[in-house]
């Protein structure tokens, strides 16, 4: 449910917010799938100084990533908890968690750096 809401917000911002220069224009272009009172709140939030600063900080942080992960918004502690439950209460190693969070659905590492870390982890065993 969370990922659908995130996608929906992204789509609403892309369609009804980003193409326009003023909040008056943005408010006049409420996406069909968003209720008007919710749209007003979203426009107000996205136009706030705090939201703009947060957006810029996040953009800069994403640029600095050398090794993206595949776990989305799910925290590593949630992933560890899920892996522990699936493994009859046995906690995963740090390497197992790393592999779980840095391998794509096609079973390939997210990038060359992640691949090197995984290869090097085998030599540590």
PDB file of N, CA and C in Angstrom:
ATOM      1  N   UNK A   1       0.824  -1.197   0.000  1.00  0.00           N
ATOM      2  CA  UNK A   1       0.000   0.000   0.000  1.00  0.00           C
ATOM      3  C   UNK A   1       0.866   1.257   0.000  1.00  0.00           C
ATOM      4  N   UNK A   2       1.948   1.256   0.771  1.00  0.00           N
ATOM      5  CA  UNK A   2       2.820   2.421   0.860  1.00  0.00           C
ATOM      6  C   UNK A   2       3.453   2.807  -0.457  1.00  0.00           C
ATOM      7  N   UNK A   3       3.896   1.806  -1.218  1.00  0.00           N
ATOM      8  CA  UNK A   3       4.537   2.117  -2.501  1.00  0.00           C
ATOM      9  C   UNK A   3       3.533   2.684  -3.491  1.00  0.00           C
ATOM     10  N   UNK A   4       2.285   2.207  -3.433  1.00  0.00           N
ATOM     11  CA  UNK A   4       1.247   2.738  -4.324  1.00  0.00           C
ATOM     12  C   UNK A   4       0.973   4.207  -3.994  1.00  0.00           C
ATOM     13  N   UNK A   5       0.932   4.540  -2.709  1.00  0.00           N
ATOM     14  CA  UNK A   5       0.695   5.924  -2.294  1.00  0.00           C
ATOM     15  C   UNK A   5       1.854   6.808  -2.748  1.00  0.00           C
ATOM     16  N   UNK A   6       3.078   6.308  -2.597  1.00  0.00           N
ATOM     17  CA  UNK A   6       4.252   7.074  -3.013  1.00  0.00           C
ATOM     18  C   UNK A   6       4.216   7.317  -4.524  1.00  0.00           C
ATOM     19  N   UNK A   7       3.891   6.277  -5.299  1.00  0.00           N
ATOM     20  CA  UNK A   7       3.788   6.424  -6.756  1.00  0.00           C
ATOM     21  C   UNK A   7       2.693   7.416  -7.111  1.00  0.00           C
ATOM     22  N   UNK A   8       1.580   7.341  -6.389  1.00  0.00           N
ATOM     23  CA  UNK A   8       0.450   8.222  -6.654  1.00  0.00           C
ATOM     24  C   UNK A   8       0.821   9.684  -6.385  1.00  0.00           C
ATOM     25  N   UNK A   9       1.535   9.926  -5.272  1.00  0.00           N
ATOM     26  CA  UNK A   9       1.985  11.287  -4.965  1.00  0.00           C
ATOM     27  C   UNK A   9       2.948  11.787  -6.024  1.00  0.00           C
ATOM     28  N   UNK A  10       3.858  10.916  -6.437  1.00  0.00           N
ATOM     29  CA  UNK A  10       4.828  11.292  -7.473  1.00  0.00           C
ATOM     30  C   UNK A  10       4.099  11.661  -8.763  1.00  0.00           C
ATOM     31  N   UNK A  11       3.138  10.834  -9.143  1.00  0.00           N
ATOM     32  CA  UNK A  11       2.370  11.094 -10.368  1.00  0.00           C
ATOM     33  C   UNK A  11       1.592  12.404 -10.248  1.00  0.00           C
ATOM     34  N   UNK A  12       0.965  12.632  -9.095  1.00  0.00           N
ATOM     35  CA  UNK A  12       0.201  13.866  -8.888  1.00  0.00           C
ATOM     36  C   UNK A  12       1.115  15.083  -8.986  1.00  0.00           C
ATOM     37  N   UNK A  13       2.306  14.983  -8.394  1.00  0.00           N
ATOM     38  CA  UNK A  13       3.235  16.114  -8.438  1.00  0.00           C
ATOM     39  C   UNK A  13       3.722  16.351  -9.861  1.00  0.00           C
ATOM     40  N   UNK A  14       4.000  15.273 -10.582  1.00  0.00           N
ATOM     41  CA  UNK A  14       4.479  15.380 -11.961  1.00  0.00           C
ATOM     42  C   UNK A  14       3.425  15.988 -12.880  1.00  0.00           C
ATOM     43  N   UNK A  15       2.163  15.629 -12.663  1.00  0.00           N
ATOM     44  CA  UNK A  15       1.075  16.092 -13.534  1.00  0.00           C
ATOM     45  C   UNK A  15       0.541  17.465 -13.125  1.00  0.00           C
ATOM     46  N   UNK A  16       0.300  17.648 -11.829  1.00  0.00           N
ATOM     47  CA  UNK A  16      -0.411  18.843 -11.396  1.00  0.00           C
ATOM     48  C   UNK A  16       0.408  19.918 -10.719  1.00  0.00           C
ATOM     49  N   UNK A  17       1.660  19.619 -10.377  1.00  0.00           N
ATOM     50  CA  UNK A  17       2.456  20.604  -9.650  1.00  0.00           C
ATOM     51  C   UNK A  17       3.644  21.105 -10.471  1.00  0.00           C
ATOM     52  N   UNK A  18       4.512  20.199 -10.882  1.00  0.00           N
ATOM     53  CA  UNK A  18       5.760  20.582 -11.552  1.00  0.00           C
ATOM     54  C   UNK A  18       5.586  21.419 -12.821  1.00  0.00           C
ATOM     55  N   UNK A  19       4.584  21.148 -13.666  1.00  0.00           N
ATOM     56  CA  UNK A  19       4.478  21.915 -14.919  1.00  0.00           C
ATOM     57  C   UNK A  19       4.082  23.386 -14.730  1.00  0.00           C
ATOM     58  N   UNK A  20       3.650  23.757 -13.532  1.00  0.00           N
ATOM     59  CA  UNK A  20       3.118  25.107 -13.316  1.00  0.00           C
ATOM     60  C   UNK A  20       4.031  25.919 -12.413  1.00  0.00           C
ATOM     61  N   UNK A  21       4.004  27.239 -12.611  1.00  0.00           N
ATOM     62  CA  UNK A  21       4.929  28.118 -11.894  1.00  0.00           C
ATOM     63  C   UNK A  21       4.358  28.729 -10.626  1.00  0.00           C
ATOM     64  N   UNK A  22       3.050  28.807 -10.512  1.00  0.00           N
ATOM     65  CA  UNK A  22       2.455  29.439  -9.333  1.00  0.00           C
ATOM     66  C   UNK A  22       1.490  28.475  -8.657  1.00  0.00           C
ATOM     67  N   UNK A  23       1.271  28.705  -7.374  1.00  0.00           N
ATOM     68  CA  UNK A  23       0.322  27.863  -6.646  1.00  0.00           C
ATOM     69  C   UNK A  23      -1.100  28.044  -7.161  1.00  0.00           C
ATOM     70  N   UNK A  24      -1.425  29.218  -7.660  1.00  0.00           N
ATOM     71  CA  UNK A  24      -2.762  29.444  -8.229  1.00  0.00           C
ATOM     72  C   UNK A  24      -2.971  28.508  -9.420  1.00  0.00           C
ATOM     73  N   UNK A  25      -1.970  28.422 -10.292  1.00  0.00           N
ATOM     74  CA  UNK A  25      -2.061  27.504 -11.440  1.00  0.00           C
ATOM     75  C   UNK A  25      -2.125  26.053 -10.964  1.00  0.00           C
ATOM     76  N   UNK A  26      -1.304  25.728  -9.993  1.00  0.00           N
ATOM     77  CA  UNK A  26      -1.257  24.352  -9.482  1.00  0.00           C
ATOM     78  C   UNK A  26      -2.592  23.948  -8.871  1.00  0.00           C
ATOM     79  N   UNK A  27      -3.167  24.837  -8.084  1.00  0.00           N
ATOM     80  CA  UNK A  27      -4.458  24.531  -7.454  1.00  0.00           C
ATOM     81  C   UNK A  27      -5.558  24.345  -8.493  1.00  0.00           C
ATOM     82  N   UNK A  28      -5.435  25.031  -9.613  1.00  0.00           N
ATOM     83  CA  UNK A  28      -6.436  24.919 -10.682  1.00  0.00           C
ATOM     84  C   UNK A  28      -6.295  23.621 -11.471  1.00  0.00           C
ATOM     85  N   UNK A  29      -5.205  22.903 -11.274  1.00  0.00           N
ATOM     86  CA  UNK A  29      -4.961  21.673 -12.034  1.00  0.00           C
ATOM     87  C   UNK A  29      -4.860  20.455 -11.115  1.00  0.00           C
ATOM     88  N   UNK A  30      -5.856  20.294 -10.290  1.00  0.00           N
ATOM     89  CA  UNK A  30      -5.919  19.151  -9.379  1.00  0.00           C
ATOM     90  C   UNK A  30      -6.078  17.862 -10.195  1.00  0.00           C
ATOM     91  N   UNK A  31      -5.182  16.887 -10.014  1.00  0.00           N
ATOM     92  CA  UNK A  31      -5.324  15.612 -10.730  1.00  0.00           C
ATOM     93  C   UNK A  31      -6.643  14.919 -10.378  1.00  0.00           C
ATOM     94  N   UNK A  32      -7.176  14.168 -11.316  1.00  0.00           N
ATOM     95  CA  UNK A  32      -8.472  13.512 -11.140  1.00  0.00           C
ATOM     96  C   UNK A  32      -8.532  12.599  -9.921  1.00  0.00           C
ATOM     97  N   UNK A  33      -7.439  11.920  -9.631  1.00  0.00           N
ATOM     98  CA  UNK A  33      -7.458  10.922  -8.551  1.00  0.00           C
ATOM     99  C   UNK A  33      -7.187  11.507  -7.164  1.00  0.00           C
ATOM    100  N   UNK A  34      -7.103  12.825  -7.065  1.00  0.00           N
ATOM    101  CA  UNK A  34      -6.821  13.466  -5.781  1.00  0.00           C
ATOM    102  C   UNK A  34      -7.992  14.363  -5.409  1.00  0.00           C
ATOM    103  N   UNK A  35      -8.438  14.251  -4.156  1.00  0.00           N
ATOM    104  CA  UNK A  35      -9.518  15.121  -3.687  1.00  0.00           C
ATOM    105  C   UNK A  35      -8.975  16.537  -3.521  1.00  0.00           C
ATOM    106  N   UNK A  36      -9.839  17.522  -3.758  1.00  0.00           N
ATOM    107  CA  UNK A  36      -9.381  18.921  -3.775  1.00  0.00           C
ATOM    108  C   UNK A  36      -8.773  19.377  -2.457  1.00  0.00           C
ATOM    109  N   UNK A  37      -9.349  18.968  -1.318  1.00  0.00           N
ATOM    110  CA  UNK A  37      -8.782  19.399  -0.037  1.00  0.00           C
ATOM    111  C   UNK A  37      -7.402  18.772   0.185  1.00  0.00           C
ATOM    112  N   UNK A  38      -7.227  17.529  -0.258  1.00  0.00           N
ATOM    113  CA  UNK A  38      -5.915  16.894  -0.159  1.00  0.00           C
ATOM    114  C   UNK A  38      -4.923  17.575  -1.101  1.00  0.00           C
ATOM    115  N   UNK A  39      -5.411  17.951  -2.290  1.00  0.00           N
ATOM    116  CA  UNK A  39      -4.549  18.623  -3.260  1.00  0.00           C
ATOM    117  C   UNK A  39      -4.059  19.959  -2.712  1.00  0.00           C
ATOM    118  N   UNK A  40      -4.952  20.717  -2.076  1.00  0.00           N
ATOM    119  CA  UNK A  40      -4.548  21.997  -1.475  1.00  0.00           C
ATOM    120  C   UNK A  40      -3.434  21.768  -0.448  1.00  0.00           C
ATOM    121  N   UNK A  41      -3.599  20.725   0.367  1.00  0.00           N
ATOM    122  CA  UNK A  41      -2.583  20.423   1.385  1.00  0.00           C
ATOM    123  C   UNK A  41      -1.250  20.042   0.746  1.00  0.00           C
ATOM    124  N   UNK A  42      -1.315  19.221  -0.303  1.00  0.00           N
ATOM    125  CA  UNK A  42      -0.084  18.819  -0.990  1.00  0.00           C
ATOM    126  C   UNK A  42       0.613  20.010  -1.638  1.00  0.00           C
ATOM    127  N   UNK A  43      -0.143  20.857  -2.326  1.00  0.00           N
ATOM    128  CA  UNK A  43       0.445  22.041  -2.971  1.00  0.00           C
ATOM    129  C   UNK A  43       1.078  22.942  -1.914  1.00  0.00           C
ATOM    130  N   UNK A  44       0.362  23.150  -0.807  1.00  0.00           N
ATOM    131  CA  UNK A  44       0.887  23.982   0.276  1.00  0.00           C
ATOM    132  C   UNK A  44       2.199  23.380   0.808  1.00  0.00           C
ATOM    133  N   UNK A  45       2.215  22.071   1.018  1.00  0.00           N
ATOM    134  CA  UNK A  45       3.416  21.414   1.537  1.00  0.00           C
ATOM    135  C   UNK A  45       4.574  21.512   0.545  1.00  0.00           C
ATOM    136  N   UNK A  46       4.338  21.112  -0.705  1.00  0.00           N
ATOM    137  CA  UNK A  46       5.415  21.116  -1.701  1.00  0.00           C
ATOM    138  C   UNK A  46       5.967  22.516  -1.954  1.00  0.00           C
ATOM    139  N   UNK A  47       5.155  23.541  -1.710  1.00  0.00           N
ATOM    140  CA  UNK A  47       5.597  24.920  -1.925  1.00  0.00           C
ATOM    141  C   UNK A  47       6.301  25.504  -0.706  1.00  0.00           C
ATOM    142  N   UNK A  48       6.251  24.801   0.415  1.00  0.00           N
ATOM    143  CA  UNK A  48       6.851  25.327   1.640  1.00  0.00           C
ATOM    144  C   UNK A  48       8.376  25.302   1.561  1.00  0.00           C
ATOM    145  N   UNK A  49       8.980  26.205   2.292  1.00  0.00           N
ATOM    146  CA  UNK A  49      10.438  26.297   2.341  1.00  0.00           C
ATOM    147  C   UNK A  49      11.035  24.986   2.858  1.00  0.00           C
ATOM    148  N   UNK A  50      10.406  24.408   3.887  1.00  0.00           N
ATOM    149  CA  UNK A  50      10.911  23.170   4.484  1.00  0.00           C
ATOM    150  C   UNK A  50      10.928  22.025   3.472  1.00  0.00           C
ATOM    151  N   UNK A  51       9.838  21.884   2.716  1.00  0.00           N
ATOM    152  CA  UNK A  51       9.757  20.796   1.729  1.00  0.00           C
ATOM    153  C   UNK A  51      10.778  20.994   0.617  1.00  0.00           C
ATOM    154  N   UNK A  52      10.954  22.236   0.189  1.00  0.00           N
ATOM    155  CA  UNK A  52      11.930  22.509  -0.873  1.00  0.00           C
ATOM    156  C   UNK A  52      13.353  22.227  -0.394  1.00  0.00           C
ATOM    157  N   UNK A  53      13.657  22.609   0.853  1.00  0.00           N
ATOM    158  CA  UNK A  53      14.980  22.337   1.413  1.00  0.00           C
ATOM    159  C   UNK A  53      15.209  20.834   1.557  1.00  0.00           C
ATOM    160  N   UNK A  54      14.187  20.130   2.020  1.00  0.00           N
ATOM    161  CA  UNK A  54      14.286  18.676   2.167  1.00  0.00           C
ATOM    162  C   UNK A  54      14.508  18.021   0.809  1.00  0.00           C
ATOM    163  N   UNK A  55      13.797  18.477  -0.194  1.00  0.00           N
ATOM    164  CA  UNK A  55      13.938  17.941  -1.543  1.00  0.00           C
ATOM    165  C   UNK A  55      15.364  18.143  -2.059  1.00  0.00           C
ATOM    166  N   UNK A  56      15.910  19.327  -1.846  1.00  0.00           N
ATOM    167  CA  UNK A  56      17.282  19.610  -2.292  1.00  0.00           C
ATOM    168  C   UNK A  56      18.299  18.746  -1.552  1.00  0.00           C
ATOM    169  N   UNK A  57      18.123  18.617  -0.230  1.00  0.00           N
ATOM    170  CA  UNK A  57      19.027  17.763   0.559  1.00  0.00           C
ATOM    171  C   UNK A  57      18.994  16.328   0.042  1.00  0.00           C
ATOM    172  N   UNK A  58      17.782  15.831  -0.215  1.00  0.00           N
ATOM    173  CA  UNK A  58      17.642  14.456  -0.695  1.00  0.00           C
ATOM    174  C   UNK A  58      18.260  14.276  -2.078  1.00  0.00           C
ATOM    175  N   UNK A  59      18.108  15.276  -2.951  1.00  0.00           N
ATOM    176  CA  UNK A  59      18.734  15.207  -4.280  1.00  0.00           C
ATOM    177  C   UNK A  59      20.248  15.111  -4.145  1.00  0.00           C
ATOM    178  N   UNK A  60      20.820  15.949  -3.268  1.00  0.00           N
ATOM    179  CA  UNK A  60      22.268  15.937  -3.061  1.00  0.00           C
ATOM    180  C   UNK A  60      22.724  14.604  -2.473  1.00  0.00           C
ATOM    181  N   UNK A  61      21.976  14.081  -1.542  1.00  0.00           N
ATOM    182  CA  UNK A  61      22.325  12.790  -0.937  1.00  0.00           C
ATOM    183  C   UNK A  61      22.300  11.676  -1.971  1.00  0.00           C
ATOM    184  N   UNK A  62      21.285  11.676  -2.834  1.00  0.00           N
ATOM    185  CA  UNK A  62      21.187  10.641  -3.874  1.00  0.00           C
ATOM    186  C   UNK A  62      22.363  10.723  -4.845  1.00  0.00           C
ATOM    187  N   UNK A  63      22.846  11.942  -5.117  1.00  0.00           N
ATOM    188  CA  UNK A  63      23.993  12.101  -6.019  1.00  0.00           C
ATOM    189  C   UNK A  63      25.256  11.480  -5.425  1.00  0.00           C
ATOM    190  N   UNK A  64      25.360  11.477  -4.101  1.00  0.00           N
ATOM    191  CA  UNK A  64      26.552  10.974  -3.429  1.00  0.00           C
ATOM    192  C   UNK A  64      26.568   9.454  -3.279  1.00  0.00           C
ATOM    193  N   UNK A  65      25.449   8.811  -3.529  1.00  0.00           N
ATOM    194  CA  UNK A  65      25.389   7.360  -3.371  1.00  0.00           C
ATOM    195  C   UNK A  65      26.319   6.666  -4.359  1.00  0.00           C
ATOM    196  N   UNK A  66      27.164   5.802  -3.848  1.00  0.00           N
ATOM    197  CA  UNK A  66      28.024   5.012  -4.727  1.00  0.00           C
ATOM    198  C   UNK A  66      27.449   3.619  -4.931  1.00  0.00           C
ATOM    199  N   UNK A  67      26.563   3.225  -4.018  1.00  0.00           N
ATOM    200  CA  UNK A  67      26.023   1.886  -4.078  1.00  0.00           C
ATOM    201  C   UNK A  67      24.556   1.920  -3.629  1.00  0.00           C
ATOM    202  N   UNK A  68      23.629   2.074  -4.551  1.00  0.00           N
ATOM    203  CA  UNK A  68      22.222   2.123  -4.158  1.00  0.00           C
ATOM    204  C   UNK A  68      21.758   0.770  -3.621  1.00  0.00           C
ATOM    205  N   UNK A  69      20.708   0.796  -2.828  1.00  0.00           N
ATOM    206  CA  UNK A  69      20.151  -0.463  -2.324  1.00  0.00           C
ATOM    207  C   UNK A  69      18.798  -0.712  -2.989  1.00  0.00           C
ATOM    208  N   UNK A  70      18.289  -1.903  -2.802  1.00  0.00           N
ATOM    209  CA  UNK A  70      17.044  -2.292  -3.462  1.00  0.00           C
ATOM    210  C   UNK A  70      15.890  -2.438  -2.481  1.00  0.00           C
ATOM    211  N   UNK A  71      16.057  -1.954  -1.261  1.00  0.00           N
ATOM    212  CA  UNK A  71      15.031  -2.167  -0.241  1.00  0.00           C
ATOM    213  C   UNK A  71      14.031  -1.024  -0.137  1.00  0.00           C
ATOM    214  N   UNK A  72      14.163  -0.024  -0.970  1.00  0.00           N
ATOM    215  CA  UNK A  72      13.197   1.074  -0.946  1.00  0.00           C
ATOM    216  C   UNK A  72      13.201   1.788   0.389  1.00  0.00           C
ATOM    217  N   UNK A  73      12.011   2.010   0.927  1.00  0.00           N
ATOM    218  CA  UNK A  73      11.897   2.732   2.190  1.00  0.00           C
ATOM    219  C   UNK A  73      11.963   1.812   3.401  1.00  0.00           C
ATOM    220  N   UNK A  74      12.068   0.525   3.162  1.00  0.00           N
ATOM    221  CA  UNK A  74      12.116  -0.446   4.252  1.00  0.00           C
ATOM    222  C   UNK A  74      13.478  -0.352   4.944  1.00  0.00           C
ATOM    223  N   UNK A  75      13.465  -0.243   6.263  1.00  0.00           N
ATOM    224  CA  UNK A  75      14.719  -0.103   7.007  1.00  0.00           C
ATOM    225  C   UNK A  75      15.469  -1.432   7.069  1.00  0.00           C
ATOM    226  N   UNK A  76      16.770  -1.331   7.313  1.00  0.00           N
ATOM    227  CA  UNK A  76      17.575  -2.548   7.432  1.00  0.00           C
ATOM    228  C   UNK A  76      17.114  -3.377   8.626  1.00  0.00           C
ATOM    229  N   UNK A  77      16.682  -2.729   9.705  1.00  0.00           N
ATOM    230  CA  UNK A  77      16.209  -3.505  10.854  1.00  0.00           C
ATOM    231  C   UNK A  77      14.934  -4.273  10.515  1.00  0.00           C
ATOM    232  N   UNK A  78      14.068  -3.698   9.675  1.00  0.00           N
ATOM    233  CA  UNK A  78      12.880  -4.438   9.235  1.00  0.00           C
ATOM    234  C   UNK A  78      13.292  -5.626   8.371  1.00  0.00           C
ATOM    235  N   UNK A  79      14.270  -5.419   7.516  1.00  0.00           N
ATOM    236  CA  UNK A  79      14.747  -6.497   6.650  1.00  0.00           C
ATOM    237  C   UNK A  79      15.371  -7.608   7.490  1.00  0.00           C
ATOM    238  N   UNK A  80      16.176  -7.236   8.472  1.00  0.00           N
ATOM    239  CA  UNK A  80      16.788  -8.226   9.360  1.00  0.00           C
ATOM    240  C   UNK A  80      15.707  -9.008  10.091  1.00  0.00           C
ATOM    241  N   UNK A  81      14.688  -8.310  10.578  1.00  0.00           N
ATOM    242  CA  UNK A  81      13.584  -8.971  11.278  1.00  0.00           C
ATOM    243  C   UNK A  81      12.874  -9.958  10.349  1.00  0.00           C
ATOM    244  N   UNK A  82      12.585  -9.533   9.123  1.00  0.00           N
ATOM    245  CA  UNK A  82      11.929 -10.417   8.145  1.00  0.00           C
ATOM    246  C   UNK A  82      12.793 -11.638   7.840  1.00  0.00           C
ATOM    247  N   UNK A  83      14.091 -11.407   7.644  1.00  0.00           N
ATOM    248  CA  UNK A  83      14.991 -12.516   7.328  1.00  0.00           C
ATOM    249  C   UNK A  83      15.104 -13.480   8.505  1.00  0.00           C
ATOM    250  N   UNK A  84      15.102 -12.948   9.733  1.00  0.00           N
ATOM    251  CA  UNK A  84      15.167 -13.781  10.936  1.00  0.00           C
ATOM    252  C   UNK A  84      13.929 -14.667  11.032  1.00  0.00           C
ATOM    253  N   UNK A  85      12.764 -14.081  10.781  1.00  0.00           N
ATOM    254  CA  UNK A  85      11.516 -14.857  10.827  1.00  0.00           C
ATOM    255  C   UNK A  85      11.516 -15.960   9.772  1.00  0.00           C
ATOM    256  N   UNK A  86      12.022 -15.654   8.587  1.00  0.00           N
ATOM    257  CA  UNK A  86      12.043 -16.640   7.502  1.00  0.00           C
ATOM    258  C   UNK A  86      13.087 -17.735   7.740  1.00  0.00           C
ATOM    259  N   UNK A  87      14.017 -17.487   8.666  1.00  0.00           N
ATOM    260  CA  UNK A  87      15.098 -18.435   8.930  1.00  0.00           C
ATOM    261  C   UNK A  87      14.955 -19.047  10.329  1.00  0.00           C
ATOM    262  N   UNK A  88      13.707 -19.264  10.761  1.00  0.00           N
ATOM    263  CA  UNK A  88      13.414 -19.924  12.047  1.00  0.00           C
ATOM    264  C   UNK A  88      14.103 -19.271  13.240  1.00  0.00           C
ATOM    265  N   UNK A  89      14.132 -17.941  13.257  1.00  0.00           N
ATOM    266  CA  UNK A  89      14.676 -17.217  14.395  1.00  0.00           C
ATOM    267  C   UNK A  89      16.175 -16.991  14.369  1.00  0.00           C
ATOM    268  N   UNK A  90      16.858 -17.463  13.340  1.00  0.00           N
ATOM    269  CA  UNK A  90      18.309 -17.268  13.240  1.00  0.00           C
ATOM    270  C   UNK A  90      18.573 -15.954  12.510  1.00  0.00           C
ATOM    271  N   UNK A  91      19.312 -15.055  13.195  1.00  0.00           N
ATOM    272  CA  UNK A  91      19.604 -13.752  12.584  1.00  0.00           C
ATOM    273  C   UNK A  91      20.562 -13.907  11.409  1.00  0.00           C
ATOM    274  N   UNK A  92      20.333 -13.127  10.346  1.00  0.00           N
ATOM    275  CA  UNK A  92      21.239 -13.186   9.194  1.00  0.00           C
ATOM    276  C   UNK A  92      22.559 -12.485   9.511  1.00  0.00           C
ATOM    277  N   UNK A  93      23.592 -12.860   8.787  1.00  0.00           N
ATOM    278  CA  UNK A  93      24.881 -12.176   8.937  1.00  0.00           C
ATOM    279  C   UNK A  93      24.808 -10.831   8.211  1.00  0.00           C
ATOM    280  N   UNK A  94      25.778  -9.988   8.468  1.00  0.00           N
ATOM    281  CA  UNK A  94      25.818  -8.690   7.782  1.00  0.00           C
ATOM    282  C   UNK A  94      25.958  -8.875   6.279  1.00  0.00           C
ATOM    283  N   UNK A  95      26.719  -9.872   5.873  1.00  0.00           N
ATOM    284  CA  UNK A  95      26.903 -10.144   4.440  1.00  0.00           C
ATOM    285  C   UNK A  95      25.583 -10.579   3.815  1.00  0.00           C
ATOM    286  N   UNK A  96      24.825 -11.426   4.513  1.00  0.00           N
ATOM    287  CA  UNK A  96      23.526 -11.872   3.990  1.00  0.00           C
ATOM    288  C   UNK A  96      22.571 -10.694   3.817  1.00  0.00           C
ATOM    289  N   UNK A  97      22.582  -9.785   4.793  1.00  0.00           N
ATOM    290  CA  UNK A  97      21.726  -8.593   4.695  1.00  0.00           C
ATOM    291  C   UNK A  97      22.195  -7.718   3.534  1.00  0.00           C
ATOM    292  N   UNK A  98      23.496  -7.554   3.400  1.00  0.00           N
ATOM    293  CA  UNK A  98      24.034  -6.758   2.295  1.00  0.00           C
ATOM    294  C   UNK A  98      23.580  -7.330   0.955  1.00  0.00           C
ATOM    295  N   UNK A  99      23.716  -8.634   0.794  1.00  0.00           N
ATOM    296  CA  UNK A  99      23.304  -9.270  -0.461  1.00  0.00           C
ATOM    297  C   UNK A  99      21.816  -9.080  -0.711  1.00  0.00           C
ATOM    298  N   UNK A 100      21.014  -9.239   0.337  1.00  0.00           N
ATOM    299  CA  UNK A 100      19.562  -9.087   0.196  1.00  0.00           C
ATOM    300  C   UNK A 100      19.197  -7.678  -0.268  1.00  0.00           C
ATOM    301  N   UNK A 101      19.941  -6.690   0.189  1.00  0.00           N
ATOM    302  CA  UNK A 101      19.594  -5.296  -0.099  1.00  0.00           C
ATOM    303  C   UNK A 101      20.346  -4.686  -1.278  1.00  0.00           C
ATOM    304  N   UNK A 102      21.225  -5.473  -1.900  1.00  0.00           N
ATOM    305  CA  UNK A 102      22.003  -4.926  -3.016  1.00  0.00           C
ATOM    306  C   UNK A 102      21.980  -5.804  -4.267  1.00  0.00           C
ATOM    307  N   UNK A 103      20.982  -6.683  -4.341  1.00  0.00           N
ATOM    308  CA  UNK A 103      20.793  -7.517  -5.530  1.00  0.00           C
ATOM    309  C   UNK A 103      19.427  -7.192  -6.119  1.00  0.00           C
ATOM    310  N   UNK A 104      19.399  -6.975  -7.413  1.00  0.00           N
ATOM    311  CA  UNK A 104      18.150  -6.652  -8.116  1.00  0.00           C
ATOM    312  C   UNK A 104      17.283  -7.903  -8.275  1.00  0.00           C
ATOM    313  N   UNK A 105      16.062  -7.706  -8.732  1.00  0.00           N
ATOM    314  CA  UNK A 105      15.129  -8.812  -8.941  1.00  0.00           C
ATOM    315  C   UNK A 105      15.678  -9.830  -9.938  1.00  0.00           C
ATOM    316  N   UNK A 106      16.521  -9.370 -10.869  1.00  0.00           N
ATOM    317  CA  UNK A 106      17.110 -10.283 -11.862  1.00  0.00           C
ATOM    318  C   UNK A 106      18.341 -11.012 -11.315  1.00  0.00           C
ATOM    319  N   UNK A 107      18.547 -10.915 -10.001  1.00  0.00           N
ATOM    320  CA  UNK A 107      19.643 -11.594  -9.287  1.00  0.00           C
ATOM    321  C   UNK A 107      21.029 -11.011  -9.567  1.00  0.00           C
ATOM    322  N   UNK A 108      21.087  -9.828 -10.163  1.00  0.00           N
ATOM    323  CA  UNK A 108      22.359  -9.157 -10.441  1.00  0.00           C
ATOM    324  C   UNK A 108      22.607  -8.068  -9.394  1.00  0.00           C
ATOM    325  N   UNK A 109      23.865  -7.855  -8.993  1.00  0.00           N
ATOM    326  CA  UNK A 109      24.173  -6.762  -8.063  1.00  0.00           C
ATOM    327  C   UNK A 109      23.760  -5.413  -8.662  1.00  0.00           C
ATOM    328  N   UNK A 110      23.488  -4.443  -7.797  1.00  0.00           N
ATOM    329  CA  UNK A 110      23.023  -3.135  -8.258  1.00  0.00           C
ATOM    330  C   UNK A 110      24.060  -2.403  -9.105  1.00  0.00           C
ATOM    331  N   UNK A 111      25.340  -2.650  -8.835  1.00  0.00           N
ATOM    332  CA  UNK A 111      26.402  -2.049  -9.649  1.00  0.00           C
ATOM    333  C   UNK A 111      27.713  -2.793  -9.405  1.00  0.00           C
ATOM    334  N   UNK A 112      28.759  -2.327 -10.048  1.00  0.00           N
ATOM    335  CA  UNK A 112      30.060  -2.994  -9.969  1.00  0.00           C
ATOM    336  C   UNK A 112      30.634  -2.956  -8.553  1.00  0.00           C
ATOM    337  N   UNK A 113      30.435  -1.862  -7.846  1.00  0.00           N
ATOM    338  CA  UNK A 113      30.965  -1.750  -6.481  1.00  0.00           C
ATOM    339  C   UNK A 113      30.326  -2.807  -5.587  1.00  0.00           C
ATOM    340  N   UNK A 114      29.008  -2.957  -5.675  1.00  0.00           N
ATOM    341  CA  UNK A 114      28.311  -3.974  -4.878  1.00  0.00           C
ATOM    342  C   UNK A 114      28.796  -5.368  -5.250  1.00  0.00           C
ATOM    343  N   UNK A 115      29.019  -5.579  -6.523  1.00  0.00           N
ATOM    344  CA  UNK A 115      29.519  -6.872  -6.994  1.00  0.00           C
ATOM    345  C   UNK A 115      30.884  -7.181  -6.375  1.00  0.00           C
ATOM    346  N   UNK A 116      31.771  -6.188  -6.352  1.00  0.00           N
ATOM    347  CA  UNK A 116      33.103  -6.369  -5.764  1.00  0.00           C
ATOM    348  C   UNK A 116      33.015  -6.674  -4.275  1.00  0.00           C
ATOM    349  N   UNK A 117      32.128  -5.980  -3.570  1.00  0.00           N
ATOM    350  CA  UNK A 117      31.955  -6.231  -2.137  1.00  0.00           C
ATOM    351  C   UNK A 117      31.516  -7.674  -1.920  1.00  0.00           C
ATOM    352  N   UNK A 118      30.581  -8.138  -2.742  1.00  0.00           N
ATOM    353  CA  UNK A 118      30.095  -9.512  -2.600  1.00  0.00           C
ATOM    354  C   UNK A 118      31.194 -10.526  -2.897  1.00  0.00           C
ATOM    355  N   UNK A 119      31.962 -10.292  -3.948  1.00  0.00           N
ATOM    356  CA  UNK A 119      33.067 -11.198  -4.287  1.00  0.00           C
ATOM    357  C   UNK A 119      34.079 -11.216  -3.149  1.00  0.00           C
ATOM    358  N   UNK A 120      34.425 -10.045  -2.631  1.00  0.00           N
ATOM    359  CA  UNK A 120      35.393  -9.962  -1.536  1.00  0.00           C
ATOM    360  C   UNK A 120      34.862 -10.600  -0.259  1.00  0.00           C
ATOM    361  N   UNK A 121      33.558 -10.592  -0.064  1.00  0.00           N
ATOM    362  CA  UNK A 121      32.979 -11.179   1.151  1.00  0.00           C
ATOM    363  C   UNK A 121      33.183 -12.688   1.182  1.00  0.00           C
ATOM    364  N   UNK A 122      33.235 -13.321   0.013  1.00  0.00           N
ATOM    365  CA  UNK A 122      33.472 -14.764  -0.025  1.00  0.00           C
ATOM    366  C   UNK A 122      34.862 -15.107   0.504  1.00  0.00           C
ATOM    367  N   UNK A 123      35.830 -14.230   0.267  1.00  0.00           N
ATOM    368  CA  UNK A 123      37.190 -14.503   0.731  1.00  0.00           C
ATOM    369  C   UNK A 123      37.318 -14.329   2.245  1.00  0.00           C
ATOM    370  N   UNK A 124      36.359 -13.661   2.878  1.00  0.00           N
ATOM    371  CA  UNK A 124      36.395 -13.462   4.325  1.00  0.00           C
ATOM    372  C   UNK A 124      35.894 -14.681   5.086  1.00  0.00           C
ATOM    373  N   UNK A 125      35.180 -15.552   4.408  1.00  0.00           N
ATOM    374  CA  UNK A 125      34.595 -16.717   5.093  1.00  0.00           C
ATOM    375  C   UNK A 125      35.633 -17.747   5.433  1.00  0.00           C
TER     376      UNK A 125
END
